[in-house]
Amino acid sequence: AIAFQPFHNVMNNLSKKLLSEGYPVGAQKRQARIITEKEENLLWEKGVIGIDTPSCLLNAILFYCGMIFCLRGGAEHRELKYSQFKFQEVQDPVDSSEMVMSVQYSEYGSKNRQGLVHQVHLDNKVIRHYANSALGERCFVRLLE
C-alpha cells in the first residue's frame, strides 16, 4: 500500500484540479425512477402484487422491502434473511397513547457498504416501519406477519 501512495496522491490532486475546472470526474450518477401511487395501484389491480397467492405475496413483500428499506441492488434482495427483521409492539409515533406493531430492518451490508476494512467504523442501516391499519391488506407490517 505504501508503494502506491505517490500514485494515489497524484490521482487525488488531478481529480481535485479537474473538478475545480468544471470537468466531471467519476461515474455518472444514475437514479432510479420513482414509482408513482398510480403505478403501485396498477400492480395491485393486475394481481402482480397482492395476498391472493404465494407468488403475489412474495412479489408484494419484495416490492415493499425495496421501497421502504431502500434496498438498491438485486443482491440485497436475494440475501435478505429473516434474522434482519425484528417485530415488536411499540408506542405509536403519531398517537403516543396507543401501541402499534412495527418491524425493524437491520442491514448486514449493501452495494456500497460491503464490509471492507476501511468501512468497519460505519453503522449498519436500521429502519423501523410502523403498521398502518388504514392501509388494510396493503400494510407492509401486516404483509410480513
C-alpha atoms as a PDB file:
ATOM      1  CA  ALA A   1       0.000   0.000   0.000  1.00  0.00           C
ATOM      2  CA  ILE A   2       2.854   2.407   0.808  1.00  0.00           C
ATOM      3  CA  ALA A   3       4.365   1.779  -2.639  1.00  0.00           C
ATOM      4  CA  PHE A   4       1.216   3.169  -4.274  1.00  0.00           C
ATOM      5  CA  GLN A   5       0.897   6.268  -2.067  1.00  0.00           C
ATOM      6  CA  PRO A   6       2.613   8.633  -4.583  1.00  0.00           C
ATOM      7  CA  PHE A   7       0.315   7.381  -7.345  1.00  0.00           C
ATOM      8  CA  HIS A   8      -2.715   7.811  -5.065  1.00  0.00           C
ATOM      9  CA  ASN A   9      -1.657  11.402  -4.232  1.00  0.00           C
ATOM     10  CA  VAL A  10      -1.210  12.299  -7.926  1.00  0.00           C
ATOM     11  CA  MET A  11      -4.648  10.882  -8.786  1.00  0.00           C
ATOM     12  CA  ASN A  12      -6.320  12.774  -5.901  1.00  0.00           C
ATOM     13  CA  ASN A  13      -4.665  16.062  -6.893  1.00  0.00           C
ATOM     14  CA  LEU A  14      -5.552  15.610 -10.568  1.00  0.00           C
ATOM     15  CA  SER A  15      -9.146  14.775  -9.651  1.00  0.00           C
ATOM     16  CA  LYS A  16      -9.445  17.910  -7.469  1.00  0.00           C
ATOM     17  CA  LYS A  17      -7.939  20.062 -10.245  1.00  0.00           C
ATOM     18  CA  LEU A  18     -10.331  18.708 -12.898  1.00  0.00           C
ATOM     19  CA  LEU A  19     -13.345  19.182 -10.614  1.00  0.00           C
ATOM     20  CA  SER A  20     -12.349  22.784  -9.839  1.00  0.00           C
ATOM     21  CA  GLU A  21     -12.130  23.448 -13.595  1.00  0.00           C
ATOM     22  CA  GLY A  22     -15.647  22.121 -14.128  1.00  0.00           C
ATOM     23  CA  TYR A  23     -14.818  18.732 -15.620  1.00  0.00           C
ATOM     24  CA  PRO A  24     -16.971  15.839 -14.398  1.00  0.00           C
ATOM     25  CA  VAL A  25     -14.841  13.257 -12.619  1.00  0.00           C
ATOM     26  CA  GLY A  26     -16.051   9.785 -11.714  1.00  0.00           C
ATOM     27  CA  ALA A  27     -19.069   7.761 -12.637  1.00  0.00           C
ATOM     28  CA  GLN A  28     -22.213   9.407 -13.854  1.00  0.00           C
ATOM     29  CA  LYS A  29     -24.966   9.334 -11.237  1.00  0.00           C
ATOM     30  CA  ARG A  30     -27.914   7.155 -12.078  1.00  0.00           C
ATOM     31  CA  GLN A  31     -31.094   7.424 -10.095  1.00  0.00           C
ATOM     32  CA  ALA A  32     -33.993   5.023 -10.148  1.00  0.00           C
ATOM     33  CA  ARG A  33     -37.267   6.376 -11.430  1.00  0.00           C
ATOM     34  CA  ILE A  34     -39.852   6.882  -8.700  1.00  0.00           C
ATOM     35  CA  ILE A  35     -42.816   4.520  -8.790  1.00  0.00           C
ATOM     36  CA  THR A  36     -45.981   6.569  -8.600  1.00  0.00           C
ATOM     37  CA  GLU A  37     -49.005   5.761  -6.451  1.00  0.00           C
ATOM     38  CA  LYS A  38     -50.936   5.163  -9.689  1.00  0.00           C
ATOM     39  CA  GLU A  39     -48.345   2.581 -10.818  1.00  0.00           C
ATOM     40  CA  GLU A  40     -48.400   0.905  -7.399  1.00  0.00           C
ATOM     41  CA  ASN A  41     -52.204   0.687  -7.555  1.00  0.00           C
ATOM     42  CA  LEU A  42     -51.939  -0.838 -11.021  1.00  0.00           C
ATOM     43  CA  LEU A  43     -49.634  -3.576  -9.660  1.00  0.00           C
ATOM     44  CA  TRP A  44     -52.313  -4.420  -7.065  1.00  0.00           C
ATOM     45  CA  GLU A  45     -55.161  -4.269  -9.606  1.00  0.00           C
ATOM     46  CA  LYS A  46     -53.378  -6.518 -12.128  1.00  0.00           C
ATOM     47  CA  GLY A  47     -52.541  -9.072  -9.408  1.00  0.00           C
ATOM     48  CA  VAL A  48     -48.776  -8.659  -9.733  1.00  0.00           C
ATOM     49  CA  ILE A  49     -48.591  -7.916  -6.022  1.00  0.00           C
ATOM     50  CA  GLY A  50     -51.217  -8.970  -3.513  1.00  0.00           C
ATOM     51  CA  ILE A  51     -52.193 -11.522  -0.893  1.00  0.00           C
ATOM     52  CA  ASP A  52     -54.195 -13.994  -3.012  1.00  0.00           C
ATOM     53  CA  THR A  53     -51.353 -16.349  -3.987  1.00  0.00           C
ATOM     54  CA  PRO A  54     -47.924 -17.137  -2.547  1.00  0.00           C
ATOM     55  CA  SER A  55     -46.329 -15.647  -5.681  1.00  0.00           C
ATOM     56  CA  CYS A  56     -48.263 -12.365  -5.354  1.00  0.00           C
ATOM     57  CA  LEU A  57     -47.443 -12.166  -1.646  1.00  0.00           C
ATOM     58  CA  LEU A  58     -43.733 -12.733  -2.311  1.00  0.00           C
ATOM     59  CA  ASN A  59     -43.795 -10.040  -5.018  1.00  0.00           C
ATOM     60  CA  ALA A  60     -45.517  -7.627  -2.616  1.00  0.00           C
ATOM     61  CA  ILE A  61     -43.007  -8.280   0.165  1.00  0.00           C
ATOM     62  CA  LEU A  62     -40.003  -7.828  -2.149  1.00  0.00           C
ATOM     63  CA  PHE A  63     -41.562  -4.701  -3.696  1.00  0.00           C
ATOM     64  CA  TYR A  64     -42.162  -3.050  -0.317  1.00  0.00           C
ATOM     65  CA  CYS A  65     -38.826  -4.199   1.132  1.00  0.00           C
ATOM     66  CA  GLY A  66     -37.139  -2.397  -1.756  1.00  0.00           C
ATOM     67  CA  MET A  67     -39.227   0.753  -1.350  1.00  0.00           C
ATOM     68  CA  ILE A  68     -39.386   1.016   2.430  1.00  0.00           C
ATOM     69  CA  PHE A  69     -35.911  -0.239   3.331  1.00  0.00           C
ATOM     70  CA  CYS A  70     -34.185   1.348   0.297  1.00  0.00           C
ATOM     71  CA  LEU A  71     -32.673  -1.879  -0.998  1.00  0.00           C
ATOM     72  CA  ARG A  72     -30.617  -0.926  -4.014  1.00  0.00           C
ATOM     73  CA  GLY A  73     -29.328  -3.999  -5.771  1.00  0.00           C
ATOM     74  CA  GLY A  74     -30.540  -7.458  -6.673  1.00  0.00           C
ATOM     75  CA  ALA A  75     -28.019  -8.958  -4.278  1.00  0.00           C
ATOM     76  CA  GLU A  76     -29.539  -7.036  -1.355  1.00  0.00           C
ATOM     77  CA  HIS A  77     -32.932  -8.566  -2.183  1.00  0.00           C
ATOM     78  CA  ARG A  78     -31.555 -12.077  -2.718  1.00  0.00           C
ATOM     79  CA  GLU A  79     -29.554 -12.020   0.519  1.00  0.00           C
ATOM     80  CA  LEU A  80     -32.407 -10.881   2.784  1.00  0.00           C
ATOM     81  CA  LYS A  81     -32.672 -13.029   5.903  1.00  0.00           C
ATOM     82  CA  TYR A  82     -35.488 -13.346   8.400  1.00  0.00           C
ATOM     83  CA  SER A  83     -32.968 -12.532  11.144  1.00  0.00           C
ATOM     84  CA  GLN A  84     -32.695  -8.994   9.718  1.00  0.00           C
ATOM     85  CA  PHE A  85     -36.300  -8.282  10.773  1.00  0.00           C
ATOM     86  CA  LYS A  86     -37.418  -7.655  14.343  1.00  0.00           C
ATOM     87  CA  PHE A  87     -41.118  -7.357  15.111  1.00  0.00           C
ATOM     88  CA  GLN A  88     -42.257  -5.520  18.221  1.00  0.00           C
ATOM     89  CA  GLU A  89     -45.137  -3.575  19.608  1.00  0.00           C
ATOM     90  CA  VAL A  90     -44.041  -0.001  20.238  1.00  0.00           C
ATOM     91  CA  GLN A  91     -45.532   3.361  21.087  1.00  0.00           C
ATOM     92  CA  ASP A  92     -47.322   4.843  18.092  1.00  0.00           C
ATOM     93  CA  PRO A  93     -45.239   7.790  16.794  1.00  0.00           C
ATOM     94  CA  VAL A  94     -48.434   9.602  15.750  1.00  0.00           C
ATOM     95  CA  ASP A  95     -50.554   8.930  18.864  1.00  0.00           C
ATOM     96  CA  SER A  96     -48.338   8.306  21.905  1.00  0.00           C
ATOM     97  CA  SER A  97     -51.306   6.955  23.897  1.00  0.00           C
ATOM     98  CA  GLU A  98     -51.546   3.966  21.517  1.00  0.00           C
ATOM     99  CA  MET A  99     -49.328   0.961  20.855  1.00  0.00           C
ATOM    100  CA  VAL A 100     -48.665  -0.237  17.309  1.00  0.00           C
ATOM    101  CA  MET A 101     -46.820  -3.166  15.707  1.00  0.00           C
ATOM    102  CA  SER A 102     -43.593  -2.327  13.939  1.00  0.00           C
ATOM    103  CA  VAL A 103     -40.873  -4.067  12.020  1.00  0.00           C
ATOM    104  CA  GLN A 104     -37.234  -3.046  12.314  1.00  0.00           C
ATOM    105  CA  TYR A 105     -34.852  -3.909   9.479  1.00  0.00           C
ATOM    106  CA  SER A 106     -31.096  -4.080  10.098  1.00  0.00           C
ATOM    107  CA  GLU A 107     -28.811  -4.209   7.088  1.00  0.00           C
ATOM    108  CA  TYR A 108     -25.917  -6.693   7.034  1.00  0.00           C
ATOM    109  CA  GLY A 109     -24.137  -4.873   4.219  1.00  0.00           C
ATOM    110  CA  SER A 110     -25.095  -3.241   0.958  1.00  0.00           C
ATOM    111  CA  LYS A 111     -23.979  -2.451  -2.561  1.00  0.00           C
ATOM    112  CA  ASN A 112     -21.939   0.494  -1.246  1.00  0.00           C
ATOM    113  CA  ARG A 113     -21.003  -0.954   2.149  1.00  0.00           C
ATOM    114  CA  GLN A 114     -19.582  -4.400   1.646  1.00  0.00           C
ATOM    115  CA  GLY A 115     -17.774  -4.789   4.974  1.00  0.00           C
ATOM    116  CA  LEU A 116     -14.294  -3.872   3.775  1.00  0.00           C
ATOM    117  CA  VAL A 117     -11.636  -2.961   6.339  1.00  0.00           C
ATOM    118  CA  HIS A 118     -11.970   0.807   5.768  1.00  0.00           C
ATOM    119  CA  GLN A 119     -15.742   0.530   6.328  1.00  0.00           C
ATOM    120  CA  VAL A 120     -15.788  -1.227   9.721  1.00  0.00           C
ATOM    121  CA  HIS A 121     -16.470   2.047  11.556  1.00  0.00           C
ATOM    122  CA  LEU A 122     -19.741   2.567   9.643  1.00  0.00           C
ATOM    123  CA  ASP A 123     -23.007   1.621  11.365  1.00  0.00           C
ATOM    124  CA  ASN A 124     -25.468  -0.715   9.712  1.00  0.00           C
ATOM    125  CA  LYS A 125     -28.574   0.926   8.299  1.00  0.00           C
ATOM    126  CA  VAL A 126     -31.504   0.389  10.691  1.00  0.00           C
ATOM    127  CA  ILE A 127     -35.038   1.343   9.651  1.00  0.00           C
ATOM    128  CA  ARG A 128     -38.253   0.986  11.652  1.00  0.00           C
ATOM    129  CA  HIS A 129     -41.594   0.847   9.868  1.00  0.00           C
ATOM    130  CA  TYR A 130     -44.921   1.111  11.694  1.00  0.00           C
ATOM    131  CA  ALA A 131     -48.166  -0.716  10.956  1.00  0.00           C
ATOM    132  CA  ASN A 132     -50.966   1.383   9.483  1.00  0.00           C
ATOM    133  CA  SER A 133     -54.398  -0.231   9.823  1.00  0.00           C
ATOM    134  CA  ALA A 134     -55.871   2.311   7.378  1.00  0.00           C
ATOM    135  CA  LEU A 135     -53.944   0.570   4.573  1.00  0.00           C
ATOM    136  CA  GLY A 136     -55.722  -2.753   5.179  1.00  0.00           C
ATOM    137  CA  GLU A 137     -54.129  -5.606   3.239  1.00  0.00           C
ATOM    138  CA  ARG A 138     -51.526  -3.214   1.810  1.00  0.00           C
ATOM    139  CA  CYS A 139     -49.985  -2.562   5.248  1.00  0.00           C
ATOM    140  CA  PHE A 140     -46.380  -3.741   4.959  1.00  0.00           C
ATOM    141  CA  VAL A 141     -46.175  -4.956   8.579  1.00  0.00           C
ATOM    142  CA  ARG A 142     -49.361  -6.981   8.021  1.00  0.00           C
ATOM    143  CA  LEU A 143     -47.934  -8.478   4.791  1.00  0.00           C
ATOM    144  CA  LEU A 144     -44.830  -9.613   6.681  1.00  0.00           C
ATOM    145  CA  GLU A 145     -46.829 -11.139   9.537  1.00  0.00           C
END
